[in-house]
Amino acid sequence: MAAKRDPAAIRYRNPGAMWGRTGKRPAGGATVPTNAKIPLKWGSTQTVYLSDGTGQGNNIAVFDTPVQGICAQLDLWRTSPKYKNKRFADAIATWSGGNNVPDYIAYCKKRVPGLTDDTIMNDAFWSGPSGIAFLKAQAAHEAGKAMPWPAADWIEAQRIVFGKALARSKPAATPAAAAPSDVVTAPAPVAVKRPGILSTLWNVLRGKDAAVVTTPEKARPGLHPDGDAVLYDQQEMLSSKGYTEVGNPDGLMGDRTKSAIREFRKQNGLKPSEAIDAEFASALLTAGPRRVAAARADATAKDLRDSGNSQIKTLDGFGNIGWLLGLLGIGGGVDQSGLLGKANDTLQTAQDTLGTIATVFQTIINVAAWCFAHWWIFAVAAGLYLLFKVAMGVLNVVVLFKQGFLSRADR
């Protein structure tokens, strides 16, 4: 009984409450064959006329799975001339028939980050996270409660609908050996097999269910259990385009991701923000590698040192310690101090006294005496190692500066 109390949009897995029947209502019961184009395209074979007391003959298409219903909802919004490429406020006014438009707009804005009256409902909007957020908000407004389906269903539906669109946006393939590491292509589309109208009707006659069959979703190593798959893919794209401050993709909106988004928007002429809106999603698909100014590309360690870079300054301090160790070691090798000679004599005496002890102890004392006598060798080695690490650290700072991640006086 509980399922019957759910709104029709949930019971019939139709988040947009889309009509499945056009034209005159056929004779018979409340359940009739679907004849509307978009519901048929996404696998609806039955439509139910609602007893809602309005006398308007309202009906709703029935879908076998929530993914099919979401696909139909998204397809309608992005292809119907009533809504395609329209301003959000205008599209909602049309959708609602002019009823309670301000409330409807406010409801959606509250649930879709970055959404404004002037947001254009185009493919850049529908293919990003804002598109999914809007579909959820619109469905919840129509039903009076949130849809109970997991985020994976909405993401899968988006991928299915945009499968062919993404395939068209991919650049021509180039040999793997010649492809630069910072060149990014659009995400691979999901292969989709959709039943046609004739095959759908034939399946109905045979009592078989029509279904949308998809290939398995791509693997996303490191995706957090609460992470968003679409955001994960965008994090991957940001990293591959040179915005490596994003860190390892996890599908979560953290400080590093926000930093990468701000820098991407800045370099690509978008308005300052941390939001992933339609403008950002569209630019991310088409933007080239991260640009680096000539002054950065030609910078040297001396340039950064002269400009007061704090990291170079710290590394130079360790370098000075390395030089000191090396010089002390060299000096010790030339002329060991008398104190060290006495210490060496003491160790030798200890060795003579313990001459009767097992060979293993004699060996340990011999090694200790030799090391103490030749301390300068270890001082030189430590100094060289420290200088090597400092040189590598300076090189790393220069590389990060050239890539645009540090300022000249980064602190």
Protein backbone atom coordinates (compact mmCIF):
# COMPACT_ATOMS: atom_id res chain seq x y z
CA MET A 1 0.00 0.00 0.00
CA ALA A 2 2.92 2.35 0.71
CA ALA A 3 3.98 2.38 -2.95
CA LYS A 4 0.51 3.58 -4.02
CA ARG A 5 0.83 6.64 -1.81
CA ASP A 6 3.93 7.74 -3.69
CA PRO A 7 3.45 10.36 -6.40
CA ALA A 8 2.81 9.04 -9.90
CA ALA A 9 6.23 10.27 -11.03
CA ILE A 10 7.88 7.85 -8.58
CA ARG A 11 5.44 4.95 -9.06
CA TYR A 12 5.88 5.02 -12.81
CA ARG A 13 9.60 5.96 -12.79
CA ASN A 14 8.87 9.14 -14.76
CA PRO A 15 10.64 12.06 -12.97
CA GLY A 16 9.39 14.67 -15.44
CA ALA A 17 5.78 13.38 -15.18
CA MET A 18 5.89 13.26 -18.98
CA TRP A 19 2.74 12.50 -20.91
CA GLY A 20 2.86 9.23 -22.81
CA ARG A 21 -0.25 9.75 -24.87
CA THR A 22 -1.19 12.51 -27.32
CA GLY A 23 -4.48 12.97 -29.14
CA LYS A 24 -7.88 11.65 -28.14
CA ARG A 25 -8.06 9.20 -25.25
CA PRO A 26 -8.78 5.71 -26.58
CA ALA A 27 -11.68 3.68 -25.29
CA GLY A 28 -10.96 1.14 -22.57
CA GLY A 29 -9.35 1.24 -19.18
CA ALA A 30 -6.91 3.68 -17.60
CA THR A 31 -3.85 1.92 -19.03
CA VAL A 32 -3.30 2.36 -22.78
CA PRO A 33 -0.38 2.00 -25.24
CA THR A 34 2.10 4.87 -25.36
CA ASN A 35 2.18 6.87 -28.59
CA ALA A 36 4.24 10.01 -27.71
CA LYS A 37 7.59 10.18 -29.53
CA ILE A 38 10.08 10.74 -26.72
CA PRO A 39 8.59 8.24 -24.22
CA LEU A 40 8.54 5.61 -26.99
CA LYS A 41 12.16 6.42 -27.82
CA TRP A 42 13.20 5.63 -24.27
CA GLY A 43 11.25 2.40 -23.87
CA SER A 44 7.80 3.35 -22.54
CA THR A 45 5.12 1.01 -23.87
CA GLN A 46 2.25 1.88 -21.51
CA THR A 47 0.58 5.08 -20.40
CA VAL A 48 -1.74 5.55 -17.43
CA TYR A 49 -4.56 8.12 -17.34
CA LEU A 50 -4.66 9.77 -13.93
CA SER A 51 -7.73 10.20 -11.77
CA ASP A 52 -6.58 13.56 -10.46
CA GLY A 53 -10.00 15.24 -10.44
CA THR A 54 -8.97 17.97 -12.89
CA GLY A 55 -10.92 16.58 -15.81
CA GLN A 56 -8.01 17.50 -18.10
CA GLY A 57 -7.26 13.96 -19.21
CA ASN A 58 -3.81 14.06 -17.69
CA ASN A 59 -1.74 10.95 -18.30
CA ILE A 60 1.78 9.76 -17.52
CA ALA A 61 4.15 7.48 -19.41
CA VAL A 62 5.32 4.35 -17.59
CA PHE A 63 9.00 3.41 -17.73
CA ASP A 64 10.58 0.11 -16.71
CA THR A 65 13.57 1.75 -14.96
CA PRO A 66 14.33 5.17 -13.45
CA VAL A 67 17.25 5.55 -15.89
CA GLN A 68 14.85 5.35 -18.85
CA GLY A 69 12.58 7.94 -17.26
CA ILE A 70 15.47 10.31 -16.56
CA CYS A 71 16.71 9.89 -20.15
CA ALA A 72 13.28 10.91 -21.43
CA GLN A 73 13.12 13.89 -19.05
CA LEU A 74 16.56 15.15 -20.15
CA ASP A 75 15.89 14.46 -23.83
CA LEU A 76 12.71 16.53 -23.72
CA TRP A 77 14.39 19.51 -22.09
CA ARG A 78 17.36 19.56 -24.46
CA THR A 79 15.54 18.86 -27.78
CA SER A 80 12.09 20.42 -27.55
CA PRO A 81 11.92 23.81 -29.33
CA LYS A 82 9.96 25.07 -26.32
CA TYR A 83 12.98 24.75 -24.04
CA LYS A 84 16.12 24.21 -26.14
CA ASN A 85 18.65 27.05 -25.74
CA LYS A 86 16.12 29.17 -23.81
CA ARG A 87 16.72 31.29 -20.74
CA PHE A 88 15.98 29.37 -17.57
CA ALA A 89 13.24 31.81 -16.48
CA ASP A 90 11.54 31.64 -19.88
CA ALA A 91 11.78 27.86 -20.08
CA ILE A 92 10.23 27.40 -16.63
CA ALA A 93 7.41 29.83 -17.47
CA THR A 94 6.63 27.71 -20.54
CA TRP A 95 6.91 24.41 -18.67
CA SER A 96 4.61 25.51 -15.84
CA GLY A 97 2.08 27.10 -18.15
CA GLY A 98 2.65 30.40 -16.36
CA ASN A 99 1.52 29.02 -12.99
CA ASN A 100 3.47 30.05 -9.86
CA VAL A 101 6.51 30.93 -11.98
CA PRO A 102 8.40 32.99 -9.32
CA ASP A 103 8.03 30.19 -6.75
CA TYR A 104 9.13 27.56 -9.27
CA ILE A 105 12.19 29.63 -10.23
CA ALA A 106 13.15 30.23 -6.59
CA TYR A 107 12.75 26.52 -5.80
CA CYS A 108 15.16 25.51 -8.58
CA LYS A 109 17.70 28.26 -7.85
CA LYS A 110 17.93 27.11 -4.24
CA ARG A 111 18.88 23.60 -5.36
CA VAL A 112 21.09 24.28 -8.40
CA PRO A 113 24.36 26.12 -7.62
CA GLY A 114 25.06 29.01 -9.98
CA LEU A 115 21.63 28.93 -11.64
CA THR A 116 20.27 32.38 -12.63
CA ASP A 117 17.28 33.66 -14.58
CA ASP A 118 19.58 34.18 -17.56
CA THR A 119 21.21 30.74 -17.53
CA ILE A 120 20.91 29.30 -21.03
CA MET A 121 19.50 25.77 -21.10
CA ASN A 122 21.89 24.42 -23.72
CA ASP A 123 23.98 21.28 -24.05
CA ALA A 124 26.82 22.81 -22.04
CA PHE A 125 24.37 23.17 -19.15
CA TRP A 126 22.73 19.76 -19.55
CA SER A 127 26.01 17.84 -19.86
CA GLY A 128 27.42 19.12 -16.56
CA PRO A 129 26.61 18.70 -12.85
CA SER A 130 24.17 21.64 -12.99
CA GLY A 131 22.07 19.76 -15.52
CA ILE A 132 21.63 16.80 -13.18
CA ALA A 133 20.93 19.09 -10.21
CA PHE A 134 18.20 20.84 -12.21
CA LEU A 135 16.57 17.59 -13.33
CA LYS A 136 16.40 16.47 -9.69
CA ALA A 137 14.99 19.81 -8.55
CA GLN A 138 12.40 19.93 -11.33
CA ALA A 139 11.31 16.36 -10.63
CA ALA A 140 11.03 17.04 -6.88
CA HIS A 141 8.96 20.17 -7.52
CA GLU A 142 6.56 18.29 -9.78
CA ALA A 143 6.19 15.34 -7.39
CA GLY A 144 6.23 17.26 -4.13
CA LYS A 145 9.11 15.14 -2.84
CA ALA A 146 12.61 14.10 -3.90
CA MET A 147 13.03 11.14 -6.23
CA PRO A 148 14.33 8.12 -4.27
CA TRP A 149 16.83 6.98 -6.90
CA PRO A 150 20.63 6.93 -6.41
CA ALA A 151 22.96 9.49 -7.98
CA ALA A 152 24.35 6.77 -10.25
CA ASP A 153 21.00 6.57 -12.10
CA TRP A 154 21.04 10.28 -12.96
CA ILE A 155 24.68 10.16 -14.06
CA GLU A 156 24.08 7.07 -16.19
CA ALA A 157 21.10 8.69 -17.89
CA GLN A 158 23.14 11.81 -18.66
CA ARG A 159 25.89 9.70 -20.18
CA ILE A 160 23.42 7.76 -22.31
CA VAL A 161 21.72 10.87 -23.69
CA PHE A 162 25.02 12.59 -24.44
CA GLY A 163 26.81 9.50 -25.78
CA LYS A 164 26.66 10.55 -29.42
CA ALA A 165 27.22 14.23 -28.66
CA LEU A 166 30.46 13.44 -26.85
CA ALA A 167 31.57 11.21 -29.71
CA ARG A 168 31.23 14.14 -32.13
CA SER A 169 33.30 16.41 -29.86
CA LYS A 170 36.32 14.09 -29.73
CA PRO A 171 39.34 15.26 -31.77
CA ALA A 172 40.76 13.07 -34.48
CA ALA A 173 42.89 10.21 -33.23
CA THR A 174 46.68 10.55 -33.40
CA PRO A 175 49.38 7.91 -32.96
CA ALA A 176 49.98 7.18 -29.30
CA ALA A 177 53.72 7.82 -29.54
CA ALA A 178 53.23 11.29 -31.00
CA ALA A 179 50.44 12.48 -28.70
CA PRO A 180 51.62 15.13 -26.20
CA SER A 181 50.98 14.26 -22.57
CA ASP A 182 48.99 17.44 -21.96
CA VAL A 183 46.49 17.00 -24.80
CA VAL A 184 43.01 16.19 -23.51
CA THR A 185 40.14 14.56 -25.34
CA ALA A 186 36.50 14.46 -24.33
CA PRO A 187 35.43 11.53 -22.14
CA ALA A 188 34.73 8.36 -24.09
CA PRO A 189 31.01 8.01 -24.85
CA VAL A 190 28.96 5.17 -23.47
CA ALA A 191 27.77 2.77 -26.13
CA VAL A 192 23.98 2.68 -26.24
CA LYS A 193 21.47 0.42 -27.90
CA ARG A 194 17.96 1.85 -27.98
CA PRO A 195 14.90 -0.02 -29.22
CA GLY A 196 13.11 1.47 -32.21
CA ILE A 197 9.36 2.04 -32.40
CA LEU A 198 8.61 -1.09 -34.45
CA SER A 199 10.75 -3.35 -32.28
CA THR A 200 9.15 -1.86 -29.15
CA LEU A 201 5.62 -2.60 -30.43
CA TRP A 202 6.71 -6.10 -31.44
CA ASN A 203 8.10 -6.69 -27.95
CA VAL A 204 4.79 -5.56 -26.45
CA LEU A 205 2.88 -8.04 -28.58
CA ARG A 206 5.24 -10.82 -27.45
CA GLY A 207 5.00 -9.73 -23.81
CA LYS A 208 8.66 -8.74 -23.59
CA ASP A 209 9.93 -5.61 -21.85
CA ALA A 210 11.77 -2.99 -23.84
CA ALA A 211 14.95 -1.86 -22.19
CA VAL A 212 17.88 0.45 -22.69
CA VAL A 213 21.08 -1.58 -22.68
CA THR A 214 24.35 0.14 -21.86
CA THR A 215 27.93 -0.93 -21.56
CA PRO A 216 29.53 -0.88 -18.08
CA GLU A 217 30.57 2.54 -16.80
CA LYS A 218 34.28 3.32 -16.94
CA ALA A 219 36.42 2.57 -13.91
CA ARG A 220 37.21 5.50 -11.61
CA PRO A 221 39.97 4.50 -9.17
CA GLY A 222 39.94 6.64 -6.05
CA LEU A 223 36.31 7.78 -6.41
CA HIS A 224 35.02 8.49 -2.90
CA PRO A 225 31.84 6.62 -1.86
CA ASP A 226 30.13 10.01 -1.57
CA GLY A 227 31.89 11.45 -4.61
CA ASP A 228 30.28 12.59 -7.85
CA ALA A 229 31.39 10.70 -10.98
CA VAL A 230 30.93 13.74 -13.22
CA LEU A 231 33.08 15.89 -10.90
CA TYR A 232 35.67 13.08 -10.83
CA ASP A 233 35.91 13.22 -14.64
CA GLN A 234 36.26 16.99 -14.53
CA GLN A 235 39.02 16.71 -11.93
CA GLU A 236 40.82 14.31 -14.28
CA MET A 237 40.48 16.78 -17.15
CA LEU A 238 41.74 19.68 -15.03
CA SER A 239 44.80 17.67 -14.02
CA SER A 240 45.55 16.53 -17.57
CA LYS A 241 45.34 20.13 -18.83
CA GLY A 242 48.00 21.23 -16.33
CA TYR A 243 45.93 22.28 -13.30
CA THR A 244 47.60 19.66 -11.10
CA GLU A 245 46.80 21.54 -7.91
CA VAL A 246 43.47 19.69 -8.14
CA GLY A 247 45.23 16.65 -6.64
CA ASN A 248 44.09 13.06 -7.11
CA PRO A 249 40.53 12.82 -8.48
CA ASP A 250 38.01 11.69 -5.84
CA GLY A 251 34.70 13.25 -6.91
CA LEU A 252 34.60 15.58 -3.87
CA MET A 253 34.60 19.38 -3.95
CA GLY A 254 37.54 20.22 -1.68
CA ASP A 255 39.87 23.21 -1.36
CA ARG A 256 42.32 21.88 -3.97
CA THR A 257 39.54 21.39 -6.52
CA LYS A 258 38.20 24.88 -5.83
CA SER A 259 41.71 26.31 -6.32
CA ALA A 260 42.08 24.54 -9.67
CA ILE A 261 38.64 25.76 -10.78
CA ARG A 262 39.49 29.36 -9.87
CA GLU A 263 42.76 29.21 -11.81
CA PHE A 264 41.10 27.55 -14.83
CA ARG A 265 38.38 30.18 -14.92
CA LYS A 266 40.97 32.95 -14.62
CA GLN A 267 43.11 31.62 -17.46
CA ASN A 268 40.13 31.00 -19.74
CA GLY A 269 38.46 34.38 -19.30
CA LEU A 270 35.51 33.18 -17.21
CA LYS A 271 34.05 35.23 -14.36
CA PRO A 272 35.81 34.67 -11.00
CA SER A 273 34.10 31.86 -9.13
CA GLU A 274 34.53 28.39 -7.67
CA ALA A 275 31.31 27.18 -9.27
CA ILE A 276 31.01 24.40 -11.83
CA ASP A 277 28.37 25.96 -14.02
CA ALA A 278 27.42 25.55 -17.67
CA GLU A 279 30.05 28.11 -18.72
CA PHE A 280 32.79 26.19 -16.91
CA ALA A 281 31.69 22.76 -18.19
CA SER A 282 31.65 23.99 -21.78
CA ALA A 283 35.06 25.66 -21.52
CA LEU A 284 36.63 22.59 -19.89
CA LEU A 285 35.68 20.42 -22.87
CA THR A 286 37.29 22.74 -25.40
CA ALA A 287 40.16 24.47 -23.54
CA GLY A 288 43.75 23.67 -24.42
CA PRO A 289 46.67 23.03 -22.05
CA ARG A 290 47.46 25.51 -19.31
CA ARG A 291 49.20 28.59 -20.66
CA VAL A 292 52.49 29.77 -19.20
CA ALA A 293 53.90 33.27 -19.72
CA ALA A 294 57.27 33.65 -21.47
CA ALA A 295 58.77 35.18 -18.31
CA ARG A 296 57.91 32.01 -16.45
CA ALA A 297 59.05 29.64 -19.17
CA ASP A 298 62.52 31.27 -19.26
CA ALA A 299 62.93 31.67 -15.49
CA THR A 300 66.05 30.35 -13.75
CA ALA A 301 66.93 29.61 -10.15
CA LYS A 302 68.92 32.88 -10.07
CA ASP A 303 65.80 34.83 -11.14
CA LEU A 304 63.78 33.33 -8.31
CA ARG A 305 66.60 33.80 -5.83
CA ASP A 306 66.96 37.48 -6.79
CA SER A 307 63.21 38.02 -6.46
CA GLY A 308 63.24 36.67 -2.89
CA ASN A 309 61.50 33.33 -3.36
CA SER A 310 61.18 31.89 0.16
CA GLN A 311 61.52 28.25 -0.90
CA ILE A 312 64.77 28.90 -2.78
CA LYS A 313 66.03 30.84 0.25
CA THR A 314 65.31 27.90 2.59
CA LEU A 315 66.99 25.45 0.24
CA ASP A 316 70.03 27.71 -0.01
CA GLY A 317 70.34 27.56 3.78
CA PHE A 318 70.53 23.76 3.69
CA GLY A 319 73.00 24.04 0.83
CA ASN A 320 75.30 26.14 2.99
CA ILE A 321 75.22 23.42 5.65
CA GLY A 322 76.18 20.91 2.99
CA TRP A 323 79.15 23.03 1.88
CA LEU A 324 80.28 23.39 5.51
CA LEU A 325 80.14 19.63 6.09
CA GLY A 326 82.10 19.00 2.92
CA LEU A 327 84.81 21.54 3.76
CA LEU A 328 85.17 20.24 7.31
CA GLY A 329 85.48 16.72 5.94
CA ILE A 330 88.16 17.72 3.48
CA GLY A 331 90.05 19.56 6.20
CA GLY A 332 89.84 16.58 8.50
CA GLY A 333 91.21 14.30 5.83
CA VAL A 334 94.27 16.52 5.38
CA ASP A 335 95.10 17.01 9.02
CA GLN A 336 93.20 15.25 11.78
CA SER A 337 93.17 17.04 15.11
CA GLY A 338 95.11 15.79 18.12
CA LEU A 339 91.87 15.18 20.00
CA LEU A 340 90.77 12.75 17.36
CA GLY A 341 94.14 11.04 17.54
CA LYS A 342 93.77 10.52 21.29
CA ALA A 343 90.27 9.18 20.78
CA ASN A 344 91.64 6.80 18.20
CA ASP A 345 94.38 5.66 20.62
CA THR A 346 91.74 5.04 23.29
CA LEU A 347 89.76 2.88 20.89
CA GLN A 348 92.93 0.99 19.96
CA THR A 349 93.69 0.36 23.64
CA ALA A 350 90.16 -0.92 24.11
CA GLN A 351 90.67 -3.21 21.17
CA ASP A 352 93.92 -4.62 22.71
CA THR A 353 92.26 -5.11 26.10
CA LEU A 354 89.35 -6.98 24.58
CA GLY A 355 91.55 -9.03 22.28
CA THR A 356 90.43 -12.26 23.88
CA ILE A 357 86.75 -11.61 23.20
CA ALA A 358 84.96 -13.33 20.34
CA THR A 359 85.88 -12.33 16.82
CA VAL A 360 82.56 -10.66 16.17
CA PHE A 361 83.19 -8.10 18.92
CA GLN A 362 86.72 -7.51 17.63
CA THR A 363 85.29 -6.78 14.20
CA ILE A 364 82.80 -4.29 15.62
CA ILE A 365 85.52 -2.42 17.49
CA ASN A 366 87.75 -2.40 14.41
CA VAL A 367 84.97 -0.89 12.33
CA ALA A 368 84.16 1.70 14.98
CA ALA A 369 87.82 2.68 15.29
CA TRP A 370 88.20 3.01 11.54
CA CYS A 371 85.05 5.10 11.23
CA PHE A 372 86.12 7.42 14.00
CA ALA A 373 89.56 7.80 12.47
CA HIS A 374 88.12 8.53 9.07
CA TRP A 375 85.18 10.72 10.10
CA TRP A 376 85.97 13.19 7.37
CA ILE A 377 84.88 10.69 4.69
CA PHE A 378 81.36 10.62 6.15
CA ALA A 379 81.31 14.40 6.48
CA VAL A 380 82.14 14.76 2.78
CA ALA A 381 79.52 12.17 1.84
CA ALA A 382 76.85 13.88 3.96
CA GLY A 383 77.71 17.25 2.48
CA LEU A 384 77.51 15.94 -1.09
CA TYR A 385 74.17 14.23 -0.40
CA LEU A 386 72.74 17.38 1.15
CA LEU A 387 73.94 19.49 -1.80
CA PHE A 388 72.34 17.00 -4.22
CA LYS A 389 68.99 17.15 -2.41
CA VAL A 390 69.12 20.94 -2.35
CA ALA A 391 69.84 21.06 -6.09
CA MET A 392 66.88 18.78 -6.80
CA GLY A 393 64.67 20.91 -4.56
CA VAL A 394 65.69 24.10 -6.37
CA LEU A 395 65.01 22.43 -9.71
CA ASN A 396 61.55 21.37 -8.53
CA VAL A 397 60.73 24.94 -7.43
CA VAL A 398 61.84 26.29 -10.81
CA VAL A 399 59.70 23.72 -12.65
CA LEU A 400 56.64 24.54 -10.53
CA PHE A 401 57.16 28.23 -11.18
CA LYS A 402 57.44 27.65 -14.95
CA GLN A 403 54.22 25.66 -14.87
CA GLY A 404 52.42 28.53 -13.18
CA PHE A 405 51.90 27.06 -9.72
CA LEU A 406 54.16 29.47 -7.78
CA SER A 407 54.75 33.21 -7.76
CA ARG A 408 58.22 34.72 -7.80
CA ALA A 409 58.07 35.36 -4.06
CA ASP A 410 55.78 32.48 -3.17
CA ARG A 411 55.20 32.10 0.56
